[in-house]
Protein backbone atom coordinates (compact mmCIF):
# COMPACT_ATOMS: atom_id res chain seq x y z
CA MET A 1 -25.97 136.52 75.26
CA THR A 2 -29.30 135.95 73.53
CA TYR A 3 -31.44 138.39 71.60
CA ASP A 4 -35.07 138.29 70.66
CA GLU A 5 -35.87 138.64 66.96
CA GLN A 6 -36.84 142.33 67.18
CA THR A 7 -33.96 143.59 69.35
CA LEU A 8 -31.96 146.23 67.51
CA LEU A 9 -28.26 145.49 67.32
CA GLU A 10 -25.57 147.76 65.96
CA THR A 11 -22.92 146.70 63.49
CA ARG A 12 -20.06 148.56 61.81
CA CYS A 13 -19.64 148.49 58.02
CA SER A 14 -16.26 147.03 57.09
CA GLY A 15 -16.11 149.33 54.07
CA CYS A 16 -16.90 152.80 55.38
CA GLU A 17 -17.12 152.31 59.17
CA SER A 18 -20.79 153.48 59.28
CA ILE A 19 -22.88 152.14 62.15
CA LEU A 20 -26.00 150.27 61.03
CA SER A 21 -28.92 148.96 63.07
CA VAL A 22 -30.00 145.38 62.36
CA THR A 23 -32.26 142.82 64.01
CA ALA A 24 -31.48 139.21 64.82
CA ASP A 25 -34.04 138.25 62.15
CA THR A 26 -32.09 140.22 59.54
CA LEU A 27 -28.85 138.53 60.54
CA ALA A 28 -30.44 135.08 60.41
CA ALA A 29 -32.14 135.67 57.06
CA GLY A 30 -28.90 136.49 55.26
CA ALA A 31 -26.50 134.30 57.25
CA GLY A 32 -25.15 137.54 58.75
CA LEU A 33 -24.60 139.27 55.41
CA VAL A 34 -26.01 142.79 54.97
CA GLN A 35 -25.43 145.60 52.50
CA CYS A 36 -24.41 149.03 53.77
CA GLY A 37 -26.77 151.80 52.73
CA GLU A 38 -23.91 154.31 52.61
CA CYS A 39 -21.24 152.59 50.50
CA ASP A 40 -23.04 149.44 49.21
CA THR A 41 -20.42 147.11 50.74
CA VAL A 42 -21.78 143.65 51.53
CA PHE A 43 -20.29 142.44 54.81
CA ASN A 44 -20.94 140.01 57.64
CA ALA A 45 -22.78 142.10 60.21
CA ALA A 46 -22.57 139.35 62.82
CA TRP A 47 -18.77 139.56 62.74
CA ASN A 48 -18.87 143.36 63.14
CA LEU A 49 -21.35 143.83 65.97
CA VAL A 50 -20.64 146.90 68.09
CA GLU A 51 -20.84 146.62 71.86
CA GLN A 52 -23.73 148.78 73.00
CA ILE A 53 -23.30 150.86 76.12
CA PRO A 54 -26.53 151.19 78.11
CA THR A 55 -28.18 154.58 78.36
CA PRO A 56 -28.01 156.21 81.81
CA THR A 57 -31.59 155.10 82.51
CA GLN A 58 -30.80 151.49 81.63
CA ALA A 59 -27.61 151.59 83.68
CA ARG A 60 -29.47 153.00 86.69
CA SER A 61 -32.10 150.24 86.43
CA LEU A 62 -29.38 147.61 86.24
CA HIS A 63 -27.64 149.16 89.25
CA CYS A 64 -30.88 149.03 91.23
CA LEU A 65 -31.44 145.38 90.30
CA LEU A 66 -27.91 144.43 91.33
CA TYR A 67 -27.71 146.33 94.59
CA THR A 68 -31.23 146.17 96.01
CA SER A 69 -31.45 142.40 96.22
């Protein structure tokens, strides 16, 4: 899976379990390391990415693409 530099990704803090939004640029700039704004833990965000479930609108669009071809 590839991401453009501005795509928002979600990662889970290994210290407090908070969900943080990051971009691919942010991950690349710090070799994946970010600091949680809630508990100040520095962790590897790339290792803790959260799978994002599409919104109903996105899922419907994907369904249409898959089944109308």
